[in-house]
């Protein structure tokens, strides 16, 4: 014991204990893992091959632009030849008195610098076309990002919707299961007919069927989530509560999209590139003018020609036209491509306008259904309370009370689905506008405090949690309902 006491009071032990305490105090405590909607979208963009393809297409367009930009600069070329040659010409025959020919070592080289001076603005238009294609590739990447964000949002919200629905159905099943022992006692005592118990079992079977369907939807949503992000959800998904800056009406949404949608902007840049391509083909009708600065040197024996030197600074003009009308055909073809690109842009505009209108109609329809379901839920809650009072007064049966309870939960589940549908409706309008991703970034999408629940939107609460405690009473609701649920008063 004394040995242990000496060890813990030793100076090295105290120093080590102090250092470890300091390290632990400075180390941040890892919070519970949770994944936001924006994090899920970013995971998709870092994982999905469609986004990678779009990025690679931008890089290709950048290299094409650099390739065309290089045509503005001079072209340098050169060559060299070394070897041994044989010659039989007038020079060799004049210098040789034996056989009229000769052999010699040969060394020659040339270098030339060529600069285009005029080609009908072909180089300029090729560069402008390359700039347009690079811009179109960037807008196309933005469009791919919007589509991936939309698909990820739907998968994310479906995972949350199905998980919350399964939790809700679990509560509903727990509440309705409490009726079973009371039906058994009442049937044994002859207070109610067995058909009431059969109908109660049928209601529970319907609930199990709904639960099975929601479980299937949950598995499908998780599969789509993994496909988009490349992994399963990290921790608990956080329900987004964002200020999305929605447009005031559908016309405002359409007006914004026509000026900012990446599909339209990409089509405009593609049309811009096609127009300059047609100007490149038109330049083929004009002559080409180049300047050239060159130097040539040749070394060989005099017997076959001797040394030669040539230095030039010249301007060259070349003009070639096909007699078969090739240049004219290419020019007409390029103009058709340009007209096609304009038609494609118009088609994109019409498609986007239609998508915005349809998504807006769906959004309004869901809002109306949500309002109707909320009112029906209020009525169901009032009916449930009325049935409970009637049951306690012996005016309705236990089955009727259970049916009212079940209807209340069914409408609660329907409202839950419409809550998520309302969120998705806003997201789909923004997606049709090409503005979804920008609204999800933390710099733009501002988190707001969850609004308090209004009276028109009652929270679904458990009903008669203590029912199991007095299920042994065994009296019919018409005779002694208050004994089945004494705390309901």
Protein backbone atom coordinates (compact mmCIF):
# COMPACT_ATOMS: atom_id res chain seq x y z
CA UNK A 1 0.00 0.00 0.00
CA UNK A 2 2.86 2.35 0.86
CA UNK A 3 4.47 1.53 -2.49
CA UNK A 4 1.30 2.55 -4.36
CA UNK A 5 1.06 5.76 -2.35
CA UNK A 6 4.66 6.62 -3.16
CA UNK A 7 4.08 6.02 -6.86
CA UNK A 8 1.05 8.30 -7.15
CA UNK A 9 2.74 11.08 -5.21
CA UNK A 10 5.94 10.95 -7.24
CA UNK A 11 6.83 13.98 -9.38
CA UNK A 12 6.82 12.09 -12.77
CA UNK A 13 3.34 10.74 -12.03
CA UNK A 14 1.99 14.18 -11.13
CA UNK A 15 3.48 15.70 -14.31
CA UNK A 16 2.02 12.95 -16.51
CA UNK A 17 -1.39 13.32 -14.84
CA UNK A 18 -1.33 17.08 -15.37
CA UNK A 19 -0.41 16.77 -19.06
CA UNK A 20 -3.11 14.19 -19.72
CA UNK A 21 -5.73 16.37 -18.01
CA UNK A 22 -4.68 19.37 -20.06
CA UNK A 23 -4.90 17.40 -23.31
CA UNK A 24 -8.34 16.07 -22.42
CA UNK A 25 -9.58 19.54 -21.52
CA UNK A 26 -8.40 20.95 -24.87
CA UNK A 27 -9.79 18.09 -26.94
CA UNK A 28 -13.24 18.94 -28.38
CA UNK A 29 -16.06 16.65 -27.48
CA UNK A 30 -17.40 15.06 -30.63
CA UNK A 31 -21.07 15.94 -31.06
CA UNK A 32 -23.66 13.38 -32.01
CA UNK A 33 -23.27 12.58 -35.67
CA UNK A 34 -25.93 14.14 -37.86
CA UNK A 35 -26.07 14.86 -41.57
CA UNK A 36 -27.70 17.93 -43.04
CA UNK A 37 -29.30 18.21 -46.46
CA UNK A 38 -26.47 20.39 -47.77
CA UNK A 39 -23.89 17.82 -46.61
CA UNK A 40 -25.75 15.06 -48.40
CA UNK A 41 -25.81 17.08 -51.63
CA UNK A 42 -22.09 17.82 -51.34
CA UNK A 43 -21.43 14.12 -50.81
CA UNK A 44 -23.32 13.39 -54.02
CA UNK A 45 -21.31 15.95 -55.98
CA UNK A 46 -18.11 14.39 -54.69
CA UNK A 47 -19.20 10.86 -55.51
CA UNK A 48 -21.49 10.74 -58.53
CA UNK A 49 -19.91 9.99 -61.95
CA UNK A 50 -22.27 12.39 -63.74
CA UNK A 51 -20.67 15.30 -61.93
CA UNK A 52 -17.20 13.93 -62.66
CA UNK A 53 -18.08 13.65 -66.36
CA UNK A 54 -19.24 17.28 -66.37
CA UNK A 55 -15.99 18.42 -64.74
CA UNK A 56 -13.92 16.48 -67.28
CA UNK A 57 -15.89 18.04 -70.12
CA UNK A 58 -15.00 21.49 -68.78
CA UNK A 59 -11.34 20.51 -68.69
CA UNK A 60 -11.55 19.28 -72.27
CA UNK A 61 -13.15 22.57 -73.32
CA UNK A 62 -10.38 24.50 -71.55
CA UNK A 63 -7.71 22.58 -73.47
CA UNK A 64 -9.57 23.16 -76.74
CA UNK A 65 -9.64 26.89 -76.00
CA UNK A 66 -5.89 26.89 -75.30
CA UNK A 67 -5.37 24.96 -78.54
CA UNK A 68 -7.21 27.60 -80.56
CA UNK A 69 -5.51 30.43 -78.67
CA UNK A 70 -2.15 29.09 -79.80
CA UNK A 71 -3.01 29.86 -83.44
CA UNK A 72 -2.41 33.57 -82.74
CA UNK A 73 1.30 32.93 -82.20
CA UNK A 74 3.98 32.20 -84.84
CA UNK A 75 4.78 28.64 -85.84
CA UNK A 76 8.42 27.56 -85.59
CA UNK A 77 9.63 24.60 -87.59
CA UNK A 78 13.02 23.25 -88.50
CA UNK A 79 14.82 20.23 -89.97
CA UNK A 80 18.29 18.71 -90.44
CA UNK A 81 19.82 16.06 -92.73
CA UNK A 82 23.20 14.31 -92.37
CA UNK A 83 24.60 11.53 -94.56
CA UNK A 84 26.52 10.61 -97.66
CA UNK A 85 25.20 11.27 -101.18
CA UNK A 86 25.99 10.34 -104.75
CA UNK A 87 25.60 12.85 -107.57
CA UNK A 88 25.69 12.64 -111.36
CA UNK A 89 24.82 16.03 -112.81
CA UNK A 90 26.29 18.77 -114.94
CA UNK A 91 28.46 20.01 -112.09
CA UNK A 92 29.97 16.60 -111.35
CA UNK A 93 30.52 15.89 -115.01
CA UNK A 94 32.25 19.23 -115.46
CA UNK A 95 34.55 18.73 -112.49
CA UNK A 96 35.31 15.01 -112.91
CA UNK A 97 37.48 13.89 -115.85
CA UNK A 98 37.15 10.19 -115.16
CA UNK A 99 33.58 9.03 -114.69
CA UNK A 100 31.44 12.21 -114.57
CA UNK A 101 29.95 11.56 -111.11
CA UNK A 102 31.01 11.90 -107.50
CA UNK A 103 30.39 11.12 -103.78
CA UNK A 104 30.21 13.52 -100.87
CA UNK A 105 29.23 13.89 -97.23
CA UNK A 106 26.06 15.94 -96.84
CA UNK A 107 24.92 18.17 -94.02
CA UNK A 108 21.96 20.52 -94.32
CA UNK A 109 19.52 22.26 -92.03
CA UNK A 110 16.63 24.72 -92.14
CA UNK A 111 14.58 26.76 -89.74
CA UNK A 112 11.48 28.86 -90.43
CA UNK A 113 9.18 31.11 -88.43
CA UNK A 114 5.69 31.57 -89.94
CA UNK A 115 3.02 33.99 -88.79
CA UNK A 116 -0.48 34.18 -90.22
CA UNK A 117 -1.44 37.73 -91.16
CA UNK A 118 -4.90 37.24 -92.60
CA UNK A 119 -7.27 34.30 -93.00
CA UNK A 120 -10.65 35.99 -93.12
CA UNK A 121 -10.83 36.20 -89.28
CA UNK A 122 -10.88 32.40 -89.16
CA UNK A 123 -8.53 32.27 -86.16
CA UNK A 124 -10.53 34.89 -84.27
CA UNK A 125 -13.81 33.05 -84.83
CA UNK A 126 -12.31 29.70 -83.86
CA UNK A 127 -11.25 31.23 -80.55
CA UNK A 128 -14.66 32.74 -79.95
CA UNK A 129 -16.30 29.41 -80.71
CA UNK A 130 -13.96 27.69 -78.24
CA UNK A 131 -14.82 30.29 -75.60
CA UNK A 132 -18.52 29.62 -76.17
CA UNK A 133 -18.07 25.86 -75.82
CA UNK A 134 -16.13 26.27 -72.60
CA UNK A 135 -18.85 28.51 -71.18
CA UNK A 136 -21.51 26.01 -72.33
CA UNK A 137 -19.61 23.21 -70.58
CA UNK A 138 -19.56 25.20 -67.34
CA UNK A 139 -23.29 25.89 -67.51
CA UNK A 140 -23.90 22.22 -68.34
CA UNK A 141 -22.00 21.27 -65.20
CA UNK A 142 -24.25 23.62 -63.23
CA UNK A 143 -27.28 21.92 -64.77
CA UNK A 144 -25.93 18.48 -63.81
CA UNK A 145 -25.35 19.81 -60.29
CA UNK A 146 -28.97 20.98 -60.14
CA UNK A 147 -30.30 17.60 -61.27
CA UNK A 148 -28.10 15.71 -58.80
CA UNK A 149 -29.15 18.08 -56.02
CA UNK A 150 -32.81 17.51 -56.87
CA UNK A 151 -32.46 13.72 -56.84
CA UNK A 152 -30.49 13.82 -53.59
CA UNK A 153 -33.07 16.08 -51.93
CA UNK A 154 -35.89 13.71 -52.87
CA UNK A 155 -33.95 10.69 -51.58
CA UNK A 156 -33.00 12.54 -48.37
CA UNK A 157 -36.57 13.65 -47.70
CA UNK A 158 -37.96 10.20 -48.53
CA UNK A 159 -35.62 8.58 -46.01
CA UNK A 160 -36.77 11.05 -43.35
CA UNK A 161 -40.44 10.71 -44.32
CA UNK A 162 -40.44 6.92 -44.19
CA UNK A 163 -38.48 6.75 -40.94
CA UNK A 164 -40.78 9.25 -39.23
CA UNK A 165 -43.82 7.43 -40.67
CA UNK A 166 -42.60 4.11 -39.27
CA UNK A 167 -42.11 5.72 -35.86
CA UNK A 168 -45.61 7.20 -36.08
CA UNK A 169 -47.09 3.84 -37.08
CA UNK A 170 -45.30 2.21 -34.15
CA UNK A 171 -47.05 4.61 -31.79
CA UNK A 172 -50.37 3.95 -33.52
CA UNK A 173 -49.92 0.19 -33.22
CA UNK A 174 -48.98 0.47 -29.55
CA UNK A 175 -52.12 2.53 -28.91
CA UNK A 176 -54.47 0.21 -30.82
CA UNK A 177 -52.93 -2.93 -29.32
CA UNK A 178 -54.22 -1.79 -25.94
CA UNK A 179 -57.75 -2.46 -27.11
CA UNK A 180 -57.09 -6.17 -27.72
CA UNK A 181 -57.12 -7.45 -24.11
CA UNK A 182 -60.30 -5.50 -23.38
CA UNK A 183 -62.04 -7.02 -26.40
CA UNK A 184 -61.00 -10.48 -25.20
CA UNK A 185 -62.43 -9.92 -21.73
CA UNK A 186 -65.66 -8.44 -23.06
CA UNK A 187 -66.13 -11.30 -25.54
CA UNK A 188 -65.52 -13.89 -22.82
CA UNK A 189 -68.12 -12.22 -20.62
CA UNK A 190 -70.57 -11.97 -23.50
CA UNK A 191 -70.73 -8.17 -23.25
CA UNK A 192 -69.91 -7.73 -26.95
CA UNK A 193 -70.20 -9.88 -30.03
CA UNK A 194 -67.09 -11.60 -31.44
CA UNK A 195 -67.59 -9.70 -34.70
CA UNK A 196 -66.42 -6.54 -32.91
CA UNK A 197 -63.18 -8.26 -32.02
CA UNK A 198 -62.85 -9.50 -35.60
CA UNK A 199 -63.25 -5.96 -36.92
CA UNK A 200 -60.64 -4.80 -34.42
CA UNK A 201 -58.25 -7.48 -35.70
CA UNK A 202 -58.98 -6.36 -39.26
CA UNK A 203 -58.07 -2.77 -38.35
CA UNK A 204 -54.75 -3.97 -36.92
CA UNK A 205 -54.14 -6.04 -40.07
CA UNK A 206 -54.72 -2.94 -42.21
CA UNK A 207 -52.22 -1.10 -40.03
CA UNK A 208 -49.64 -3.85 -40.57
CA UNK A 209 -50.22 -3.63 -44.32
CA UNK A 210 -49.57 0.11 -44.28
CA UNK A 211 -46.47 -0.45 -42.15
CA UNK A 212 -45.16 -3.04 -44.62
CA UNK A 213 -45.65 -0.60 -47.51
CA UNK A 214 -43.82 2.19 -45.66
CA UNK A 215 -40.96 -0.20 -44.84
CA UNK A 216 -40.65 -1.03 -48.52
CA UNK A 217 -40.57 2.67 -49.36
CA UNK A 218 -37.90 3.18 -46.71
CA UNK A 219 -35.67 0.49 -48.23
CA UNK A 220 -36.13 2.04 -51.67
CA UNK A 221 -35.31 5.52 -50.34
CA UNK A 222 -32.17 4.23 -48.62
CA UNK A 223 -31.09 2.51 -51.85
CA UNK A 224 -31.53 5.75 -53.81
CA UNK A 225 -29.67 7.66 -51.09
CA UNK A 226 -26.72 5.25 -51.33
CA UNK A 227 -26.76 5.50 -55.11
CA UNK A 228 -26.54 9.29 -54.97
CA UNK A 229 -24.11 9.83 -52.08
CA UNK A 230 -22.14 6.59 -52.35
CA UNK A 231 -22.84 5.65 -48.72
CA UNK A 232 -25.55 5.14 -46.14
CA UNK A 233 -26.82 8.13 -44.15
CA UNK A 234 -24.34 9.35 -41.55
CA UNK A 235 -26.14 9.38 -38.22
CA UNK A 236 -29.56 10.91 -37.95
CA UNK A 237 -30.75 13.03 -40.84
CA UNK A 238 -31.65 16.59 -39.89
CA UNK A 239 -34.98 17.88 -41.13
CA UNK A 240 -34.24 21.05 -43.14
CA UNK A 241 -35.92 24.23 -42.02
CA UNK A 242 -34.62 26.86 -44.43
CA UNK A 243 -35.58 30.23 -45.85
CA UNK A 244 -35.64 29.25 -49.53
CA UNK A 245 -36.48 32.71 -50.91
CA UNK A 246 -39.33 31.39 -53.02
CA UNK A 247 -40.67 33.57 -55.86
CA UNK A 248 -43.96 35.35 -55.22
CA UNK A 249 -45.78 33.72 -58.15
CA UNK A 250 -45.24 31.44 -61.11
CA UNK A 251 -44.61 34.32 -63.55
CA UNK A 252 -41.77 35.59 -61.39
CA UNK A 253 -40.32 32.08 -61.27
CA UNK A 254 -40.48 31.77 -65.06
CA UNK A 255 -38.95 35.20 -65.59
CA UNK A 256 -36.03 34.36 -63.31
CA UNK A 257 -35.48 30.97 -64.95
CA UNK A 258 -35.42 32.37 -68.50
CA UNK A 259 -32.53 34.61 -67.49
CA UNK A 260 -30.62 32.30 -65.15
CA UNK A 261 -31.40 28.62 -65.81
CA UNK A 262 -28.14 26.80 -66.66
CA UNK A 263 -29.81 24.80 -69.45
CA UNK A 264 -30.85 27.97 -71.24
CA UNK A 265 -27.49 29.64 -70.65
CA UNK A 266 -25.65 26.55 -71.93
CA UNK A 267 -27.86 26.46 -75.04
CA UNK A 268 -27.19 30.15 -75.64
CA UNK A 269 -23.44 29.62 -75.43
CA UNK A 270 -23.68 26.61 -77.76
CA UNK A 271 -25.58 28.76 -80.27
CA UNK A 272 -22.90 31.44 -79.89
CA UNK A 273 -20.21 28.84 -80.68
CA UNK A 274 -22.17 27.51 -83.67
CA UNK A 275 -22.48 31.04 -85.10
CA UNK A 276 -18.73 31.56 -84.97
CA UNK A 277 -18.20 28.11 -86.49
CA UNK A 278 -20.23 29.28 -89.49
CA UNK A 279 -18.02 32.38 -89.75
CA UNK A 280 -14.97 30.12 -89.78
CA UNK A 281 -16.41 28.24 -92.76
CA UNK A 282 -17.17 31.54 -94.48
CA UNK A 283 -13.53 32.56 -94.17
CA UNK A 284 -12.61 29.68 -96.51
CA UNK A 285 -13.76 31.86 -99.45
CA UNK A 286 -11.01 34.39 -98.74
CA UNK A 287 -7.24 34.19 -99.41
CA UNK A 288 -4.72 33.37 -96.69
CA UNK A 289 -1.73 35.64 -96.14
CA UNK A 290 1.30 34.46 -94.13
CA UNK A 291 4.69 36.00 -93.38
CA UNK A 292 7.75 33.77 -93.17
CA UNK A 293 11.28 34.25 -91.89
CA UNK A 294 13.53 31.32 -92.86
CA UNK A 295 17.17 30.26 -93.10
CA UNK A 296 18.62 27.28 -95.03
CA UNK A 297 22.21 25.98 -95.04
CA UNK A 298 23.67 23.09 -97.05
CA UNK A 299 27.21 21.59 -96.88
CA UNK A 300 28.60 19.16 -99.53
CA UNK A 301 31.63 18.73 -101.80
CA UNK A 302 31.95 20.95 -104.79
CA UNK A 303 31.99 17.95 -107.11
CA UNK A 304 28.23 17.47 -106.68
CA UNK A 305 27.15 21.06 -106.17
CA UNK A 306 29.02 22.55 -103.26
CA UNK A 307 27.68 24.70 -100.41
CA UNK A 308 24.36 26.58 -100.47
CA UNK A 309 22.81 29.22 -98.21
CA UNK A 310 19.34 30.69 -98.41
CA UNK A 311 17.79 33.28 -96.06
CA UNK A 312 14.32 34.72 -96.64
CA UNK A 313 11.86 37.20 -95.18
CA UNK A 314 8.76 36.94 -97.36
CA UNK A 315 4.98 37.31 -97.40
CA UNK A 316 2.96 34.49 -98.98
CA UNK A 317 -0.56 34.56 -100.36
CA UNK A 318 -2.52 31.34 -100.90
CA UNK A 319 -6.03 31.03 -102.25
CA UNK A 320 -7.69 27.69 -102.90
CA UNK A 321 -11.31 27.07 -103.88
CA UNK A 322 -12.85 23.73 -104.69
CA UNK A 323 -14.44 23.53 -108.13
CA UNK A 324 -17.03 21.16 -106.69
CA UNK A 325 -18.45 23.71 -104.22
CA UNK A 326 -17.03 22.10 -101.05
CA UNK A 327 -16.59 25.43 -99.24
CA UNK A 328 -20.15 26.55 -100.06
CA UNK A 329 -21.60 23.24 -98.82
CA UNK A 330 -19.66 23.45 -95.53
CA UNK A 331 -20.84 27.02 -95.00
CA UNK A 332 -24.50 26.12 -95.58
CA UNK A 333 -24.14 23.14 -93.26
CA UNK A 334 -22.66 25.30 -90.49
CA UNK A 335 -25.59 27.71 -90.76
CA UNK A 336 -28.03 24.80 -90.38
CA UNK A 337 -26.16 23.75 -87.24
CA UNK A 338 -26.54 27.28 -85.90
CA UNK A 339 -30.28 27.29 -86.64
CA UNK A 340 -30.58 23.92 -84.92
CA UNK A 341 -28.87 25.31 -81.81
CA UNK A 342 -31.34 28.21 -81.72
CA UNK A 343 -34.25 25.78 -81.99
CA UNK A 344 -32.72 23.68 -79.19
CA UNK A 345 -32.54 26.72 -76.96
CA UNK A 346 -36.19 27.52 -77.67
CA UNK A 347 -37.14 23.92 -76.89
CA UNK A 348 -35.26 24.15 -73.58
CA UNK A 349 -37.13 27.34 -72.72
CA UNK A 350 -40.53 25.78 -73.43
CA UNK A 351 -39.65 22.66 -71.43
CA UNK A 352 -38.46 24.70 -68.45
CA UNK A 353 -41.55 26.92 -68.52
CA UNK A 354 -43.79 23.86 -68.58
CA UNK A 355 -41.84 22.20 -65.74
CA UNK A 356 -42.15 25.33 -63.59
CA UNK A 357 -45.88 25.61 -64.24
CA UNK A 358 -46.47 21.93 -63.46
CA UNK A 359 -44.38 22.02 -60.29
CA UNK A 360 -46.18 25.19 -59.19
CA UNK A 361 -49.58 23.57 -59.81
CA UNK A 362 -48.47 20.53 -57.82
CA UNK A 363 -47.22 22.79 -55.02
CA UNK A 364 -50.59 24.61 -54.83
CA UNK A 365 -52.48 21.32 -54.97
CA UNK A 366 -50.46 19.91 -52.07
CA UNK A 367 -51.04 23.10 -50.06
CA UNK A 368 -54.78 22.74 -50.58
CA UNK A 369 -54.71 19.06 -49.63
CA UNK A 370 -52.67 19.91 -46.56
CA UNK A 371 -55.23 22.47 -45.46
CA UNK A 372 -58.11 20.03 -46.01
CA UNK A 373 -56.32 17.24 -44.14
CA UNK A 374 -55.53 19.60 -41.26
CA UNK A 375 -59.20 20.51 -40.94
CA UNK A 376 -60.19 16.84 -41.16
CA UNK A 377 -57.64 16.06 -38.46
CA UNK A 378 -59.21 18.69 -36.20
CA UNK A 379 -62.63 17.14 -36.83
CA UNK A 380 -61.27 13.66 -36.15
CA UNK A 381 -59.77 14.86 -32.91
CA UNK A 382 -63.07 16.40 -31.87
CA UNK A 383 -64.90 13.21 -32.89
CA UNK A 384 -62.46 11.10 -30.89
CA UNK A 385 -63.03 13.21 -27.81
CA UNK A 386 -66.79 13.00 -28.37
CA UNK A 387 -66.61 9.22 -28.80
CA UNK A 388 -64.62 8.96 -25.59
CA UNK A 389 -67.26 10.92 -23.69
CA UNK A 390 -70.01 8.86 -25.30
CA UNK A 391 -68.15 5.68 -24.47
CA UNK A 392 -67.82 6.74 -20.86
CA UNK A 393 -71.54 7.46 -20.83
CA UNK A 394 -72.34 4.06 -22.31
CA UNK A 395 -73.67 5.45 -25.62
CA UNK A 396 -71.10 3.89 -28.01
CA UNK A 397 -69.22 0.63 -28.05
CA UNK A 398 -65.50 -0.01 -27.57
CA UNK A 399 -65.23 -0.78 -31.30
CA UNK A 400 -66.61 2.64 -32.21
CA UNK A 401 -64.11 4.29 -29.89
CA UNK A 402 -61.29 2.28 -31.44
CA UNK A 403 -62.45 3.22 -34.95
CA UNK A 404 -62.44 6.91 -34.05
CA UNK A 405 -58.98 6.50 -32.55
CA UNK A 406 -57.76 4.69 -35.67
CA UNK A 407 -59.21 7.34 -37.98
CA UNK A 408 -57.46 10.05 -35.98
CA UNK A 409 -54.11 8.31 -36.43
CA UNK A 410 -54.75 7.63 -40.12
CA UNK A 411 -55.35 11.32 -40.75
CA UNK A 412 -52.27 12.12 -38.68
CA UNK A 413 -50.21 9.87 -40.94
CA UNK A 414 -51.73 11.49 -44.02
CA UNK A 415 -50.85 14.93 -42.70
CA UNK A 416 -47.29 13.78 -42.03
CA UNK A 417 -46.97 12.68 -45.66
CA UNK A 418 -48.33 16.04 -46.83
CA UNK A 419 -45.89 17.91 -44.58
CA UNK A 420 -43.01 16.33 -46.48
CA UNK A 421 -44.81 16.77 -49.79
CA UNK A 422 -45.03 20.51 -49.08
CA UNK A 423 -41.29 20.67 -48.51
CA UNK A 424 -40.67 18.69 -51.69
CA UNK A 425 -43.06 20.95 -53.61
CA UNK A 426 -40.91 23.98 -52.80
CA UNK A 427 -37.75 22.10 -53.69
CA UNK A 428 -39.16 20.95 -57.02
CA UNK A 429 -40.18 24.49 -57.99
CA UNK A 430 -36.64 25.66 -57.26
CA UNK A 431 -35.24 22.68 -59.17
CA UNK A 432 -37.39 23.50 -62.21
CA UNK A 433 -36.07 27.08 -61.98
CA UNK A 434 -32.48 25.85 -61.84
CA UNK A 435 -32.03 27.50 -58.43
CA UNK A 436 -32.17 24.61 -55.95
CA UNK A 437 -28.47 24.14 -55.21
CA UNK A 438 -27.84 27.83 -54.61
CA UNK A 439 -30.66 27.89 -52.04
CA UNK A 440 -29.18 24.95 -50.11
CA UNK A 441 -25.73 26.40 -49.50
CA UNK A 442 -25.16 27.61 -45.92
CA UNK A 443 -24.28 31.10 -47.17
CA UNK A 444 -27.73 31.53 -48.76
CA UNK A 445 -30.13 29.19 -46.99
CA UNK A 446 -30.66 30.72 -43.57
CA UNK A 447 -31.92 28.44 -40.83
CA UNK A 448 -35.04 29.67 -39.10
CA UNK A 449 -36.62 28.77 -35.81
CA UNK A 450 -39.31 26.15 -36.15
CA UNK A 451 -42.71 27.87 -35.91
CA UNK A 452 -44.95 27.09 -33.01
CA UNK A 453 -47.77 24.68 -33.67
CA UNK A 454 -51.00 26.46 -34.50
CA UNK A 455 -54.39 25.37 -33.25
CA UNK A 456 -55.36 24.51 -36.80
CA UNK A 457 -52.51 21.99 -36.91
CA UNK A 458 -52.87 19.88 -33.74
CA UNK A 459 -50.02 17.65 -32.75
CA UNK A 460 -50.76 13.93 -32.81
CA UNK A 461 -50.75 12.73 -29.24
CA UNK A 462 -51.09 9.35 -27.63
CA UNK A 463 -54.57 8.59 -26.40
CA UNK A 464 -55.50 6.61 -23.30
CA UNK A 465 -51.97 5.45 -22.44
CA UNK A 466 -53.25 3.99 -19.16
CA UNK A 467 -55.87 1.81 -20.83
CA UNK A 468 -53.83 -1.36 -20.38
CA UNK A 469 -53.90 -0.89 -16.61
CA UNK A 470 -57.64 -1.49 -16.31
CA UNK A 471 -58.27 -3.90 -19.15
CA UNK A 472 -59.37 -6.53 -16.63
CA UNK A 473 -62.65 -4.81 -15.78
CA UNK A 474 -64.47 -6.77 -18.45
CA UNK A 475 -67.55 -4.56 -18.70
CA UNK A 476 -69.00 -3.26 -21.92
CA UNK A 477 -68.58 0.37 -22.79
CA UNK A 478 -72.30 0.91 -22.65
CA UNK A 479 -72.41 -0.34 -19.07
CA UNK A 480 -69.22 0.89 -17.47
CA UNK A 481 -67.10 2.80 -19.93
CA UNK A 482 -65.75 5.13 -17.27
CA UNK A 483 -64.17 2.18 -15.50
CA UNK A 484 -62.26 1.32 -18.68
CA UNK A 485 -60.80 4.82 -18.90
CA UNK A 486 -61.25 6.60 -15.55
CA UNK A 487 -58.46 9.15 -16.16
CA UNK A 488 -59.99 10.30 -19.43
CA UNK A 489 -62.06 12.76 -17.46
